[in-house]
């Protein structure tokens, strides 16, 4: 019997600080960006999340990206403005085993 493996990815940790103000508090996060507080904690910690959740999160963040000054600094267009293509390309990273090492170390595994 084969198990279906969920596809996972990581939200680029270099972008999380810029995204934080969109999140709001624990009560507002679902209406603001469409994810749970627990999912945000995983994203902010650099842990892998389901690909479907990451795509929903990315879509909500990119809809507000024009108002995030940090994105303009990291992804400037030569003539001014925000390079949405570069931001979109940099947003998600593969969910690699290296990202799960902290959990293995906490549980005593090497």
C-alpha atoms as a PDB file:
ATOM      1  CA  UNK A   1       0.000   0.000   0.000  1.00  0.00           C
ATOM      2  CA  UNK A   2       1.453   3.365  -0.964  1.00  0.00           C
ATOM      3  CA  UNK A   3       0.825   6.504   1.004  1.00  0.00           C
ATOM      4  CA  UNK A   4       0.263   9.776  -0.784  1.00  0.00           C
ATOM      5  CA  UNK A   5       3.024  12.107   0.330  1.00  0.00           C
ATOM      6  CA  UNK A   6       1.934  15.704   0.834  1.00  0.00           C
ATOM      7  CA  UNK A   7       3.931  18.240  -1.100  1.00  0.00           C
ATOM      8  CA  UNK A   8       5.551  20.760   1.200  1.00  0.00           C
ATOM      9  CA  UNK A   9       7.440  24.013   0.812  1.00  0.00           C
ATOM     10  CA  UNK A  10       8.880  26.835   2.899  1.00  0.00           C
ATOM     11  CA  UNK A  11       8.012  30.507   2.649  1.00  0.00           C
ATOM     12  CA  UNK A  12      11.264  32.349   1.999  1.00  0.00           C
ATOM     13  CA  UNK A  13      12.530  33.383   5.463  1.00  0.00           C
ATOM     14  CA  UNK A  14      14.030  36.560   3.950  1.00  0.00           C
ATOM     15  CA  UNK A  15      10.476  37.792   3.268  1.00  0.00           C
ATOM     16  CA  UNK A  16       8.753  36.891   6.542  1.00  0.00           C
ATOM     17  CA  UNK A  17       9.705  40.101   8.377  1.00  0.00           C
ATOM     18  CA  UNK A  18       8.116  42.202   5.644  1.00  0.00           C
ATOM     19  CA  UNK A  19       4.936  40.107   5.767  1.00  0.00           C
ATOM     20  CA  UNK A  20       4.490  40.272   9.548  1.00  0.00           C
ATOM     21  CA  UNK A  21       2.479  43.517   9.619  1.00  0.00           C
ATOM     22  CA  UNK A  22      -0.151  41.978   7.294  1.00  0.00           C
ATOM     23  CA  UNK A  23      -0.824  39.204   9.780  1.00  0.00           C
ATOM     24  CA  UNK A  24      -2.286  41.283  12.566  1.00  0.00           C
ATOM     25  CA  UNK A  25      -3.191  39.356  15.677  1.00  0.00           C
ATOM     26  CA  UNK A  26      -4.375  35.857  16.343  1.00  0.00           C
ATOM     27  CA  UNK A  27      -8.022  36.855  15.842  1.00  0.00           C
ATOM     28  CA  UNK A  28      -7.474  38.718  12.546  1.00  0.00           C
ATOM     29  CA  UNK A  29      -5.116  36.439  10.658  1.00  0.00           C
ATOM     30  CA  UNK A  30      -7.748  34.269   8.942  1.00  0.00           C
ATOM     31  CA  UNK A  31      -9.666  37.211   7.520  1.00  0.00           C
ATOM     32  CA  UNK A  32      -6.538  39.168   6.605  1.00  0.00           C
ATOM     33  CA  UNK A  33      -4.445  36.494   4.893  1.00  0.00           C
ATOM     34  CA  UNK A  34      -6.463  33.286   4.894  1.00  0.00           C
ATOM     35  CA  UNK A  35      -4.366  31.072   7.153  1.00  0.00           C
ATOM     36  CA  UNK A  36      -4.530  29.953  10.771  1.00  0.00           C
ATOM     37  CA  UNK A  37      -2.364  31.274  13.567  1.00  0.00           C
ATOM     38  CA  UNK A  38      -0.653  27.865  13.818  1.00  0.00           C
ATOM     39  CA  UNK A  39       0.222  28.018  10.108  1.00  0.00           C
ATOM     40  CA  UNK A  40       1.673  31.495  10.583  1.00  0.00           C
ATOM     41  CA  UNK A  41       3.843  30.223  13.457  1.00  0.00           C
ATOM     42  CA  UNK A  42       5.216  27.510  11.129  1.00  0.00           C
ATOM     43  CA  UNK A  43       5.855  30.039   8.354  1.00  0.00           C
ATOM     44  CA  UNK A  44       7.533  32.505  10.714  1.00  0.00           C
ATOM     45  CA  UNK A  45       9.703  29.693  12.100  1.00  0.00           C
ATOM     46  CA  UNK A  46      10.855  28.605   8.643  1.00  0.00           C
ATOM     47  CA  UNK A  47       9.113  25.242   8.851  1.00  0.00           C
ATOM     48  CA  UNK A  48       7.585  23.490   5.830  1.00  0.00           C
ATOM     49  CA  UNK A  49       3.858  23.926   5.178  1.00  0.00           C
ATOM     50  CA  UNK A  50       1.500  22.261   2.695  1.00  0.00           C
ATOM     51  CA  UNK A  51       1.935  23.570  -0.820  1.00  0.00           C
ATOM     52  CA  UNK A  52      -1.781  24.396  -1.089  1.00  0.00           C
ATOM     53  CA  UNK A  53      -1.614  26.549   2.053  1.00  0.00           C
ATOM     54  CA  UNK A  54       1.547  28.267   0.792  1.00  0.00           C
ATOM     55  CA  UNK A  55      -0.083  29.139  -2.543  1.00  0.00           C
ATOM     56  CA  UNK A  56      -3.152  30.606  -0.793  1.00  0.00           C
ATOM     57  CA  UNK A  57      -0.898  32.586   1.551  1.00  0.00           C
ATOM     58  CA  UNK A  58       1.261  33.829  -1.340  1.00  0.00           C
ATOM     59  CA  UNK A  59      -1.770  34.980  -3.325  1.00  0.00           C
ATOM     60  CA  UNK A  60      -3.048  37.029  -0.375  1.00  0.00           C
ATOM     61  CA  UNK A  61       0.349  38.564   0.329  1.00  0.00           C
ATOM     62  CA  UNK A  62       1.041  39.391  -3.326  1.00  0.00           C
ATOM     63  CA  UNK A  63      -2.323  41.171  -3.513  1.00  0.00           C
ATOM     64  CA  UNK A  64      -0.967  43.624  -0.908  1.00  0.00           C
ATOM     65  CA  UNK A  65       2.686  43.552  -1.998  1.00  0.00           C
ATOM     66  CA  UNK A  66       2.591  47.031  -3.511  1.00  0.00           C
ATOM     67  CA  UNK A  67       2.106  48.548  -0.056  1.00  0.00           C
ATOM     68  CA  UNK A  68       5.053  46.704   1.533  1.00  0.00           C
ATOM     69  CA  UNK A  69       8.114  48.959   1.457  1.00  0.00           C
ATOM     70  CA  UNK A  70      10.511  46.092   2.227  1.00  0.00           C
ATOM     71  CA  UNK A  71       9.426  44.326  -0.967  1.00  0.00           C
ATOM     72  CA  UNK A  72      10.147  47.472  -2.985  1.00  0.00           C
ATOM     73  CA  UNK A  73      13.658  47.545  -1.510  1.00  0.00           C
ATOM     74  CA  UNK A  74      14.345  43.859  -2.153  1.00  0.00           C
ATOM     75  CA  UNK A  75      12.708  43.625  -5.591  1.00  0.00           C
ATOM     76  CA  UNK A  76      13.018  47.017  -7.296  1.00  0.00           C
ATOM     77  CA  UNK A  77      12.297  47.534 -10.970  1.00  0.00           C
ATOM     78  CA  UNK A  78      15.017  49.484 -12.817  1.00  0.00           C
ATOM     79  CA  UNK A  79      12.599  52.331 -13.621  1.00  0.00           C
ATOM     80  CA  UNK A  80      10.983  52.288 -10.179  1.00  0.00           C
ATOM     81  CA  UNK A  81       8.231  50.194  -8.672  1.00  0.00           C
ATOM     82  CA  UNK A  82       8.054  46.578  -7.527  1.00  0.00           C
ATOM     83  CA  UNK A  83       9.281  43.629  -9.588  1.00  0.00           C
ATOM     84  CA  UNK A  84       6.332  41.289  -8.986  1.00  0.00           C
ATOM     85  CA  UNK A  85       7.851  38.526 -11.131  1.00  0.00           C
ATOM     86  CA  UNK A  86      11.042  38.406  -9.045  1.00  0.00           C
ATOM     87  CA  UNK A  87       9.011  38.505  -5.820  1.00  0.00           C
ATOM     88  CA  UNK A  88       6.754  35.700  -7.027  1.00  0.00           C
ATOM     89  CA  UNK A  89       9.786  33.590  -8.003  1.00  0.00           C
ATOM     90  CA  UNK A  90      11.493  34.133  -4.623  1.00  0.00           C
ATOM     91  CA  UNK A  91       8.426  33.621  -2.409  1.00  0.00           C
ATOM     92  CA  UNK A  92       8.421  29.825  -1.967  1.00  0.00           C
ATOM     93  CA  UNK A  93      11.328  27.455  -1.439  1.00  0.00           C
ATOM     94  CA  UNK A  94      11.309  23.649  -1.578  1.00  0.00           C
ATOM     95  CA  UNK A  95      10.514  21.919   1.717  1.00  0.00           C
ATOM     96  CA  UNK A  96      13.840  20.153   2.155  1.00  0.00           C
ATOM     97  CA  UNK A  97      14.880  17.730   4.899  1.00  0.00           C
ATOM     98  CA  UNK A  98      17.319  20.381   6.153  1.00  0.00           C
ATOM     99  CA  UNK A  99      14.327  22.407   7.357  1.00  0.00           C
ATOM    100  CA  UNK A 100      13.168  19.549   9.584  1.00  0.00           C
ATOM    101  CA  UNK A 101      16.544  19.051  11.321  1.00  0.00           C
ATOM    102  CA  UNK A 102      15.658  21.209  14.352  1.00  0.00           C
ATOM    103  CA  UNK A 103      12.753  18.866  15.165  1.00  0.00           C
ATOM    104  CA  UNK A 104      15.036  15.816  14.910  1.00  0.00           C
ATOM    105  CA  UNK A 105      17.602  17.475  17.157  1.00  0.00           C
ATOM    106  CA  UNK A 106      14.966  18.401  19.750  1.00  0.00           C
ATOM    107  CA  UNK A 107      13.751  14.809  19.889  1.00  0.00           C
ATOM    108  CA  UNK A 108      17.287  13.519  20.456  1.00  0.00           C
ATOM    109  CA  UNK A 109      17.746  11.996  16.997  1.00  0.00           C
ATOM    110  CA  UNK A 110      20.985  12.543  15.095  1.00  0.00           C
END
